[in-house]
Amino acid sequence: MDDVIYIRAQSKGGGLTSIAIGGVALILGTMVLSWLPVELRLMGIFIICGGLVAILIGWFKLREPDHSLHLSRQEMRYHHRHGQWYLHWDNIQRFDVPSVYVDLQHHPLAVVGIRVKSYEPVLETMSPRLMNNIMTEQRSLLLQAIKEQMKTQNDYNDHLLEDDRYTSESGKLYTGLQAMFANRMTKLRETLGYDLFINVAELDRSTEEFVQLLRECKNKVAQED
């Protein structure tokens, strides 16, 4: 495989364009407020609000890393504005597009799932800030996974809370946020079959194409070893 394959998120593009559109909207809204009668100034306020939203969206886009993933001979590395995680290829058991079973049919999710062999390298290299962010973003994913299994329950909040103690397979005790993240991975593995997830918006291709790329990289690395 190439020395490094860079994956650029779909959501990364258009940051400057969004800011430019927002700036034009602010100018237009200000002009509307200045020129139109008082009874029509509400239109100018709406335009200004839309411009501010566009600028904010563009700013968040520009804050994202230039590339969401690096695939090298040694590892796959995920980049986020709150930190990063990485997995050596020999610590990856498998990857695929997970699905949920609804109304007797399998519905693929808009994510790529990664099942790891050992949690310890993940827990010890990921920043607490990124762990917290991922757990927040995964609430909807976990909710999708457990809803069908718990149709008789209306309150799922207890299933979204994680224990703050976790003992790894090697016997190492983790506490606090690391333990909560490990328990969340365990719960997602039980419901969806995978531990870590990459949203399709963070890819430059479909989930199926990305899974195929990962398989090719992993196989290539195995052959080279």
Protein backbone atom coordinates (compact mmCIF):
# COMPACT_ATOMS: atom_id res chain seq x y z
CA MET A 1 0.00 0.00 0.00
CA ASP A 2 1.04 3.66 -0.34
CA ASP A 3 3.01 5.12 2.55
CA VAL A 4 -0.02 7.11 3.72
CA ILE A 5 -3.59 7.28 2.40
CA TYR A 6 -5.41 10.46 3.43
CA ILE A 7 -9.18 10.53 3.91
CA ARG A 8 -10.81 13.96 3.81
CA ALA A 9 -14.24 14.33 5.40
CA GLN A 10 -17.16 15.34 3.20
CA SER A 11 -18.24 17.76 5.93
CA LYS A 12 -14.87 19.56 5.77
CA GLY A 13 -15.53 21.25 2.42
CA GLY A 14 -17.34 24.53 1.95
CA GLY A 15 -16.17 26.29 5.11
CA LEU A 16 -14.94 29.44 3.39
CA THR A 17 -17.93 29.44 1.05
CA SER A 18 -20.33 29.24 4.00
CA ILE A 19 -18.56 32.15 5.73
CA ALA A 20 -18.65 34.19 2.52
CA ILE A 21 -22.37 33.56 2.04
CA GLY A 22 -22.96 34.46 5.67
CA GLY A 23 -21.03 37.70 5.25
CA VAL A 24 -23.08 38.68 2.19
CA ALA A 25 -26.27 37.87 4.11
CA LEU A 26 -25.18 40.12 6.98
CA ILE A 27 -24.54 43.01 4.61
CA LEU A 28 -27.83 42.44 2.81
CA GLY A 29 -29.74 42.19 6.08
CA THR A 30 -28.18 45.40 7.35
CA MET A 31 -29.17 47.18 4.14
CA VAL A 32 -32.73 45.87 4.42
CA LEU A 33 -32.96 47.17 7.99
CA SER A 34 -31.71 50.57 6.85
CA TRP A 35 -33.88 51.00 3.76
CA LEU A 36 -37.18 49.26 4.37
CA PRO A 37 -40.04 50.63 6.45
CA VAL A 38 -40.25 49.58 10.09
CA GLU A 39 -43.07 47.11 9.42
CA LEU A 40 -40.82 45.19 6.95
CA ARG A 41 -37.65 45.13 9.01
CA LEU A 42 -38.41 41.66 10.31
CA MET A 43 -37.20 40.38 6.94
CA GLY A 44 -33.82 42.01 7.54
CA ILE A 45 -33.57 40.40 10.98
CA PHE A 46 -34.24 36.96 9.47
CA ILE A 47 -31.55 37.54 6.83
CA ILE A 48 -29.02 38.61 9.47
CA CYS A 49 -29.82 35.55 11.62
CA GLY A 50 -29.35 33.30 8.57
CA GLY A 51 -26.01 34.97 7.87
CA LEU A 52 -24.81 34.43 11.43
CA VAL A 53 -25.77 30.76 11.25
CA ALA A 54 -23.90 30.35 7.95
CA ILE A 55 -20.77 31.99 9.40
CA LEU A 56 -20.95 29.75 12.48
CA ILE A 57 -21.28 26.62 10.33
CA GLY A 58 -18.33 27.71 8.19
CA TRP A 59 -16.24 28.41 11.29
CA PHE A 60 -16.91 24.92 12.66
CA LYS A 61 -16.00 23.40 9.29
CA LEU A 62 -12.67 25.24 9.24
CA ARG A 63 -11.88 24.03 12.77
CA GLU A 64 -12.02 20.40 11.65
CA PRO A 65 -8.70 18.72 10.75
CA ASP A 66 -7.75 18.78 7.06
CA HIS A 67 -7.99 14.98 7.00
CA SER A 68 -10.23 12.83 9.18
CA LEU A 69 -8.15 9.65 8.75
CA HIS A 70 -4.60 8.59 7.88
CA LEU A 71 -4.04 5.02 6.76
CA SER A 72 -0.38 4.03 6.94
CA ARG A 73 1.55 0.75 6.93
CA GLN A 74 1.57 0.76 10.74
CA GLU A 75 -1.89 1.97 11.70
CA MET A 76 -5.13 3.74 10.97
CA ARG A 77 -5.34 7.10 12.73
CA TYR A 78 -8.55 9.06 13.29
CA HIS A 79 -8.37 12.86 13.65
CA HIS A 80 -10.94 15.07 15.34
CA ARG A 81 -10.81 18.65 16.59
CA HIS A 82 -11.00 17.23 20.13
CA GLY A 83 -8.14 14.76 19.68
CA GLN A 84 -7.32 11.52 17.91
CA TRP A 85 -7.21 7.76 18.27
CA TYR A 86 -5.17 5.20 16.40
CA LEU A 87 -5.19 1.45 15.94
CA HIS A 88 -2.38 -0.78 14.76
CA TRP A 89 -3.59 -3.14 12.09
CA ASP A 90 -2.85 -6.19 14.24
CA ASN A 91 -5.24 -4.85 16.91
CA ILE A 92 -8.17 -4.76 14.48
CA GLN A 93 -10.30 -7.87 14.37
CA ARG A 94 -12.70 -6.79 11.64
CA PHE A 95 -14.67 -3.86 10.19
CA ASP A 96 -17.96 -3.56 8.35
CA VAL A 97 -21.16 -1.52 8.04
CA PRO A 98 -23.33 -2.42 11.05
CA SER A 99 -27.11 -2.64 10.79
CA VAL A 100 -30.13 -2.64 13.06
CA TYR A 101 -33.01 -5.09 12.79
CA VAL A 102 -36.31 -3.23 12.44
CA ASP A 103 -39.65 -4.65 11.31
CA LEU A 104 -38.07 -7.95 10.28
CA GLN A 105 -35.51 -6.19 8.06
CA HIS A 106 -31.86 -5.23 8.43
CA HIS A 107 -31.22 -1.50 7.99
CA PRO A 108 -27.56 -0.50 7.48
CA LEU A 109 -26.36 2.44 9.53
CA ALA A 110 -24.45 5.40 8.09
CA VAL A 111 -21.28 4.40 9.95
CA VAL A 112 -18.32 2.05 9.63
CA GLY A 113 -17.86 -0.17 12.66
CA ILE A 114 -14.45 -1.36 13.87
CA ARG A 115 -14.04 -4.29 16.26
CA VAL A 116 -10.75 -4.23 18.15
CA LYS A 117 -8.92 -7.06 19.87
CA SER A 118 -7.70 -5.14 22.91
CA TYR A 119 -9.24 -2.03 24.48
CA GLU A 120 -6.13 -1.05 26.41
CA PRO A 121 -4.23 0.71 23.57
CA VAL A 122 -7.38 2.71 22.79
CA LEU A 123 -8.00 3.71 26.40
CA GLU A 124 -4.40 4.73 27.01
CA THR A 125 -3.87 6.83 23.88
CA MET A 126 -7.21 8.63 23.47
CA SER A 127 -7.63 12.01 25.14
CA PRO A 128 -10.39 12.40 27.76
CA ARG A 129 -11.86 15.25 25.74
CA LEU A 130 -12.29 13.05 22.67
CA MET A 131 -13.71 10.19 24.76
CA ASN A 132 -16.34 12.52 26.19
CA ASN A 133 -17.19 13.90 22.74
CA ILE A 134 -17.52 10.45 21.17
CA MET A 135 -19.77 9.22 23.98
CA THR A 136 -22.03 12.24 23.48
CA GLU A 137 -22.18 11.73 19.71
CA GLN A 138 -22.86 8.01 20.14
CA ARG A 139 -26.01 8.44 22.22
CA SER A 140 -28.23 8.42 19.13
CA LEU A 141 -26.34 5.43 17.70
CA LEU A 142 -26.75 3.43 20.91
CA LEU A 143 -30.39 4.46 21.12
CA GLN A 144 -30.99 3.10 17.62
CA ALA A 145 -29.37 -0.17 18.62
CA ILE A 146 -31.34 -0.76 21.82
CA LYS A 147 -34.77 0.56 20.80
CA GLU A 148 -35.78 -2.53 18.86
CA GLN A 149 -34.52 -4.81 21.64
CA MET A 150 -36.48 -2.96 24.33
CA LYS A 151 -39.83 -2.15 22.72
CA THR A 152 -41.68 -2.56 26.01
CA GLN A 153 -39.67 0.22 27.68
CA ASN A 154 -40.22 3.93 27.21
CA ASP A 155 -37.28 5.20 29.26
CA TYR A 156 -33.86 4.35 27.83
CA ASN A 157 -31.84 6.74 29.97
CA ASP A 158 -30.52 4.00 32.26
CA HIS A 159 -29.06 2.21 29.25
CA LEU A 160 -27.20 5.35 28.17
CA LEU A 161 -25.33 5.64 31.48
CA GLU A 162 -22.02 3.83 31.95
CA ASP A 163 -20.30 2.40 35.02
CA ASP A 164 -17.12 4.24 36.06
CA ARG A 165 -15.14 1.06 36.76
CA TYR A 166 -13.83 -1.38 34.16
CA THR A 167 -11.37 -4.28 34.36
CA SER A 168 -9.59 -5.17 31.13
CA GLU A 169 -8.86 -8.73 29.96
CA SER A 170 -5.33 -8.41 31.34
CA GLY A 171 -6.73 -7.53 34.76
CA LYS A 172 -5.96 -3.80 34.68
CA LEU A 173 -8.51 -1.65 36.50
CA TYR A 174 -9.70 1.56 34.84
CA THR A 175 -11.80 4.20 36.55
CA GLY A 176 -13.52 7.43 35.62
CA LEU A 177 -13.96 8.46 32.00
CA GLN A 178 -11.67 5.72 30.67
CA ALA A 179 -13.83 3.08 32.36
CA MET A 180 -17.03 4.69 31.10
CA PHE A 181 -15.69 4.72 27.56
CA ALA A 182 -14.64 1.07 27.80
CA ASN A 183 -18.07 0.11 29.09
CA ARG A 184 -19.68 2.06 26.25
CA MET A 185 -17.56 0.15 23.73
CA THR A 186 -18.61 -3.10 25.41
CA LYS A 187 -22.27 -2.14 25.19
CA LEU A 188 -21.98 -1.19 21.52
CA ARG A 189 -20.19 -4.46 20.81
CA GLU A 190 -23.05 -6.36 22.42
CA THR A 191 -25.71 -4.51 20.41
CA LEU A 192 -24.00 -3.75 17.09
CA GLY A 193 -20.94 -6.03 17.08
CA TYR A 194 -18.33 -3.24 16.96
CA ASP A 195 -16.44 -0.98 19.36
CA LEU A 196 -15.47 2.17 17.44
CA PHE A 197 -17.46 3.92 14.73
CA ILE A 198 -16.70 6.37 11.92
CA ASN A 199 -19.59 8.39 10.51
CA VAL A 200 -20.04 8.50 6.73
CA ALA A 201 -19.81 12.32 6.92
CA GLU A 202 -16.16 11.89 7.95
CA LEU A 203 -15.34 9.92 4.80
CA ASP A 204 -14.69 10.87 1.18
CA ARG A 205 -16.57 7.83 -0.17
CA SER A 206 -19.43 5.51 0.75
CA THR A 207 -19.23 3.32 3.84
CA GLU A 208 -19.05 0.18 1.66
CA GLU A 209 -16.16 1.60 -0.38
CA PHE A 210 -14.31 2.61 2.77
CA VAL A 211 -14.72 -0.85 4.29
CA GLN A 212 -13.28 -2.34 1.09
CA LEU A 213 -10.33 0.06 1.30
CA LEU A 214 -9.66 -0.93 4.91
CA ARG A 215 -9.73 -4.61 4.00
CA GLU A 216 -7.29 -4.05 1.16
CA CYS A 217 -4.94 -2.10 3.46
CA LYS A 218 -5.08 -4.71 6.21
CA ASN A 219 -4.50 -7.56 3.75
CA LYS A 220 -1.62 -5.69 2.12
CA VAL A 221 0.05 -5.06 5.47
CA ALA A 222 -0.37 -8.73 6.43
CA GLN A 223 1.24 -9.80 3.17
CA GLU A 224 4.19 -7.44 3.66
CA ASP A 225 4.77 -8.78 7.16
